[in-house]
């Protein structure tokens, strides 16, 4: 495991560099840049990384898919790690690791990106995490967590609930599934994490290494509502 990322994170889907500077309070242990859902694109990664790395805040990037070309482009920008969504087999997890690591451990190409400039705060050995968030991924959990070179698993409770046909993330079936993935990941020596979005969900699940507390959009809406409420 090359870098250390732990604690409570802010999930960023739309903030620009200035707004991210304002949001990076001491309580935010890490940042997750979401390229799968929201307004961010690969072109937004480097400007946002400059802000978070200047603040000393570790930053992970969730990719839109397991596309190796996008994976390589994002890693060239120098995040502390990547999170690849909807991984459903050990073979898929192995392909992600191979695409993220240079030879001899993997097959990622090298080039002149931010990681090659030796800039302060830019890691050279990022974390590689995959998401288990479907029924198929749940069934393949044991082989996924056993993947050599994988640093951990990040659970997506909301998509997992949909895939299982459950009514919400706090249904017993979903909670049991999330616990199963977290337990298997920890037993394999990997980092554990999930996206919460609900304090009630956090209260029902065990502690993890990486807790994405909520998204920037949700925090913004909650902050506006709170300000208006106190002036009622």
Protein backbone atom coordinates (compact mmCIF):
# COMPACT_ATOMS: atom_id res chain seq x y z
CA UNK A 1 0.00 0.00 0.00
CA UNK A 2 1.74 3.12 -1.26
CA UNK A 3 -0.10 6.02 0.38
CA UNK A 4 -2.20 6.51 3.50
CA UNK A 5 -5.78 7.74 3.10
CA UNK A 6 -8.17 7.38 6.04
CA UNK A 7 -11.13 9.02 7.70
CA UNK A 8 -14.17 11.01 6.55
CA UNK A 9 -14.26 12.26 2.99
CA UNK A 10 -16.19 14.79 0.93
CA UNK A 11 -17.59 13.42 -2.34
CA UNK A 12 -17.13 16.10 -5.01
CA UNK A 13 -19.40 16.11 -8.05
CA UNK A 14 -19.54 19.74 -9.18
CA UNK A 15 -17.23 22.06 -7.22
CA UNK A 16 -14.62 24.13 -9.04
CA UNK A 17 -11.16 24.90 -7.61
CA UNK A 18 -12.24 28.02 -5.68
CA UNK A 19 -15.26 26.33 -4.13
CA UNK A 20 -13.14 23.32 -3.20
CA UNK A 21 -10.68 25.62 -1.43
CA UNK A 22 -13.58 26.95 0.64
CA UNK A 23 -14.86 23.45 1.40
CA UNK A 24 -11.55 21.96 2.57
CA UNK A 25 -12.06 22.40 6.30
CA UNK A 26 -9.93 20.48 8.84
CA UNK A 27 -12.79 18.01 9.32
CA UNK A 28 -12.40 16.78 5.74
CA UNK A 29 -9.80 13.99 5.85
CA UNK A 30 -9.89 13.21 2.13
CA UNK A 31 -11.66 14.15 -1.09
CA UNK A 32 -13.32 11.94 -3.68
CA UNK A 33 -13.64 13.39 -7.19
CA UNK A 34 -16.55 11.72 -8.95
CA UNK A 35 -16.21 11.35 -12.73
CA UNK A 36 -19.06 8.84 -12.96
CA UNK A 37 -21.95 10.99 -11.75
CA UNK A 38 -22.15 14.77 -11.68
CA UNK A 39 -20.52 17.55 -13.67
CA UNK A 40 -16.80 16.71 -13.45
CA UNK A 41 -14.71 15.43 -16.36
CA UNK A 42 -11.12 14.23 -16.72
CA UNK A 43 -10.12 17.81 -17.58
CA UNK A 44 -11.26 18.94 -14.12
CA UNK A 45 -9.01 16.51 -12.25
CA UNK A 46 -5.67 18.35 -12.43
CA UNK A 47 -7.01 21.81 -11.34
CA UNK A 48 -8.86 20.24 -8.40
CA UNK A 49 -5.83 18.15 -7.44
CA UNK A 50 -3.69 21.29 -7.31
CA UNK A 51 -6.07 22.69 -4.70
CA UNK A 52 -6.39 19.55 -2.56
CA UNK A 53 -2.69 18.72 -2.72
CA UNK A 54 -1.74 22.27 -1.77
CA UNK A 55 -4.00 21.85 1.26
CA UNK A 56 -2.43 18.48 2.06
CA UNK A 57 -5.74 16.65 1.60
CA UNK A 58 -5.46 13.18 0.00
CA UNK A 59 -7.66 12.82 -3.06
CA UNK A 60 -9.19 9.79 -4.74
CA UNK A 61 -10.84 9.82 -8.16
CA UNK A 62 -13.81 7.63 -9.04
CA UNK A 63 -13.64 6.77 -12.72
CA UNK A 64 -16.68 6.64 -15.01
CA UNK A 65 -15.91 2.98 -15.84
CA UNK A 66 -13.06 0.48 -15.99
CA UNK A 67 -11.85 1.93 -19.30
CA UNK A 68 -8.06 1.57 -19.26
CA UNK A 69 -7.42 4.67 -21.34
CA UNK A 70 -9.32 6.87 -18.87
CA UNK A 71 -7.66 5.07 -15.96
CA UNK A 72 -4.23 5.89 -17.34
CA UNK A 73 -5.10 9.52 -18.06
CA UNK A 74 -6.41 10.06 -14.54
CA UNK A 75 -3.42 8.38 -12.90
CA UNK A 76 -1.08 10.59 -14.95
CA UNK A 77 -2.62 13.59 -13.14
CA UNK A 78 -1.36 12.30 -9.78
CA UNK A 79 -4.28 11.48 -7.46
CA UNK A 80 -3.65 9.53 -4.27
CA UNK A 81 -5.77 6.74 -5.68
CA UNK A 82 -8.55 5.66 -8.00
CA UNK A 83 -11.90 3.97 -7.39
CA UNK A 84 -13.24 1.87 -10.27
CA UNK A 85 -17.02 1.32 -10.23
CA UNK A 86 -19.13 -1.80 -10.76
CA UNK A 87 -16.45 -4.49 -10.63
CA UNK A 88 -18.13 -7.88 -10.79
CA UNK A 89 -15.40 -10.52 -10.98
CA UNK A 90 -11.88 -11.34 -9.97
CA UNK A 91 -10.84 -11.19 -13.60
CA UNK A 92 -12.20 -7.65 -13.94
CA UNK A 93 -10.45 -6.60 -10.73
CA UNK A 94 -7.17 -8.09 -12.02
CA UNK A 95 -7.56 -6.16 -15.28
CA UNK A 96 -8.05 -2.93 -13.31
CA UNK A 97 -4.88 -3.55 -11.30
CA UNK A 98 -2.93 -4.37 -14.47
CA UNK A 99 -4.14 -1.14 -16.09
CA UNK A 100 -3.19 0.91 -13.04
CA UNK A 101 0.32 -0.40 -12.41
CA UNK A 102 3.41 -0.14 -14.65
CA UNK A 103 5.48 -3.20 -15.60
CA UNK A 104 6.47 -5.62 -14.20
CA UNK A 105 3.41 -5.64 -11.89
CA UNK A 106 1.03 -4.35 -14.55
CA UNK A 107 0.90 -2.99 -18.08
CA UNK A 108 0.17 0.72 -17.66
CA UNK A 109 2.00 2.95 -20.12
CA UNK A 110 4.23 5.75 -18.89
CA UNK A 111 4.34 9.32 -20.16
CA UNK A 112 4.94 12.94 -19.22
CA UNK A 113 2.09 13.63 -16.80
CA UNK A 114 2.05 15.44 -13.48
CA UNK A 115 3.38 12.31 -11.80
CA UNK A 116 6.57 12.54 -13.87
CA UNK A 117 7.38 16.10 -12.77
CA UNK A 118 8.35 15.30 -9.20
CA UNK A 119 5.95 17.90 -7.80
CA UNK A 120 5.49 18.10 -4.02
CA UNK A 121 2.34 16.37 -2.81
CA UNK A 122 1.91 14.31 -5.99
CA UNK A 123 2.12 10.60 -5.13
CA UNK A 124 3.90 8.17 -7.45
CA UNK A 125 2.26 5.00 -6.10
CA UNK A 126 -1.52 5.54 -5.94
CA UNK A 127 -4.07 3.29 -4.28
CA UNK A 128 -6.18 1.03 -6.49
CA UNK A 129 -9.70 0.46 -5.18
CA UNK A 130 -12.70 -1.17 -6.83
CA UNK A 131 -16.38 -0.87 -6.07
CA UNK A 132 -18.69 -3.75 -5.23
CA UNK A 133 -22.16 -2.40 -5.89
CA UNK A 134 -24.12 -5.07 -7.74
CA UNK A 135 -25.53 -8.50 -7.00
CA UNK A 136 -22.94 -10.00 -9.35
CA UNK A 137 -20.13 -8.20 -7.54
CA UNK A 138 -21.47 -9.45 -4.21
CA UNK A 139 -21.43 -13.04 -5.45
CA UNK A 140 -17.82 -12.60 -6.62
CA UNK A 141 -16.72 -10.73 -3.51
CA UNK A 142 -14.25 -13.35 -2.26
CA UNK A 143 -12.37 -13.56 -5.56
CA UNK A 144 -12.38 -9.77 -5.96
CA UNK A 145 -10.81 -9.09 -2.56
CA UNK A 146 -8.18 -11.78 -3.21
CA UNK A 147 -6.89 -9.93 -6.28
CA UNK A 148 -3.13 -9.39 -6.08
CA UNK A 149 -2.19 -5.71 -6.11
CA UNK A 150 -5.66 -4.49 -5.13
CA UNK A 151 -5.58 -2.08 -2.17
CA UNK A 152 -9.20 -2.34 -1.11
CA UNK A 153 -12.92 -2.27 -1.87
CA UNK A 154 -15.32 0.67 -1.74
CA UNK A 155 -18.97 -0.36 -1.43
CA UNK A 156 -21.79 1.45 -3.21
CA UNK A 157 -24.82 0.79 -0.96
CA UNK A 158 -27.33 2.64 -3.14
CA UNK A 159 -26.61 0.81 -6.39
CA UNK A 160 -26.27 -2.42 -4.43
CA UNK A 161 -29.75 -1.91 -2.98
CA UNK A 162 -31.15 -1.35 -6.47
CA UNK A 163 -29.38 -4.42 -7.83
CA UNK A 164 -30.70 -6.57 -5.00
CA UNK A 165 -34.22 -5.27 -5.54
CA UNK A 166 -34.37 -3.80 -2.04
CA UNK A 167 -36.39 -0.78 -0.97
CA UNK A 168 -33.43 1.19 0.39
CA UNK A 169 -29.96 1.07 1.86
CA UNK A 170 -31.14 0.34 5.40
CA UNK A 171 -33.04 -2.81 4.46
CA UNK A 172 -31.65 -5.84 6.36
CA UNK A 173 -30.65 -7.57 3.13
CA UNK A 174 -28.58 -4.59 1.99
CA UNK A 175 -26.94 -4.03 5.39
CA UNK A 176 -25.99 -7.71 5.51
CA UNK A 177 -24.52 -7.50 2.01
CA UNK A 178 -22.46 -4.41 2.83
CA UNK A 179 -21.17 -6.03 6.02
CA UNK A 180 -20.25 -9.15 4.05
CA UNK A 181 -18.12 -7.17 1.61
CA UNK A 182 -16.48 -5.12 4.36
CA UNK A 183 -15.67 -8.22 6.39
CA UNK A 184 -14.18 -10.05 3.41
CA UNK A 185 -12.13 -7.02 2.42
CA UNK A 186 -10.74 -6.54 5.91
CA UNK A 187 -9.93 -10.26 6.20
CA UNK A 188 -7.93 -9.96 2.97
CA UNK A 189 -5.97 -7.03 4.40
CA UNK A 190 -7.56 -4.38 2.18
CA UNK A 191 -8.90 -0.90 2.83
CA UNK A 192 -12.65 -0.71 3.43
CA UNK A 193 -14.98 2.11 2.49
CA UNK A 194 -18.43 3.12 1.33
CA UNK A 195 -20.52 6.15 0.35
CA UNK A 196 -22.94 7.03 3.16
CA UNK A 197 -25.06 10.04 2.28
CA UNK A 198 -27.13 9.37 5.40
CA UNK A 199 -26.07 9.52 9.08
CA UNK A 200 -28.62 6.80 9.78
CA UNK A 201 -26.78 4.41 7.49
CA UNK A 202 -23.46 5.13 9.22
CA UNK A 203 -25.01 4.21 12.56
CA UNK A 204 -26.01 0.78 11.22
CA UNK A 205 -22.67 -0.22 9.68
CA UNK A 206 -19.23 -0.97 11.14
CA UNK A 207 -16.44 1.57 11.03
CA UNK A 208 -14.43 1.70 7.83
CA UNK A 209 -11.16 3.18 6.66
CA UNK A 210 -12.77 5.47 4.08
CA UNK A 211 -16.17 6.94 4.83
CA UNK A 212 -17.56 9.22 2.13
CA UNK A 213 -19.85 11.26 4.37
CA UNK A 214 -21.86 12.97 1.63
CA UNK A 215 -21.64 14.79 -1.68
CA UNK A 216 -20.88 18.45 -2.22
CA UNK A 217 -24.37 19.01 -3.63
CA UNK A 218 -26.05 17.49 -0.57
CA UNK A 219 -23.82 19.48 1.78
CA UNK A 220 -24.59 22.70 -0.10
CA UNK A 221 -28.33 22.09 0.05
CA UNK A 222 -28.16 21.20 3.76
CA UNK A 223 -26.08 24.29 4.50
CA UNK A 224 -28.49 26.62 2.73
CA UNK A 225 -31.46 25.01 4.48
CA UNK A 226 -29.79 25.38 7.88
CA UNK A 227 -28.97 29.06 7.32
CA UNK A 228 -32.49 29.86 6.24
CA UNK A 229 -33.98 27.93 9.13
CA UNK A 230 -32.11 29.94 11.79
CA UNK A 231 -33.37 33.20 10.27
CA UNK A 232 -36.98 32.07 10.11
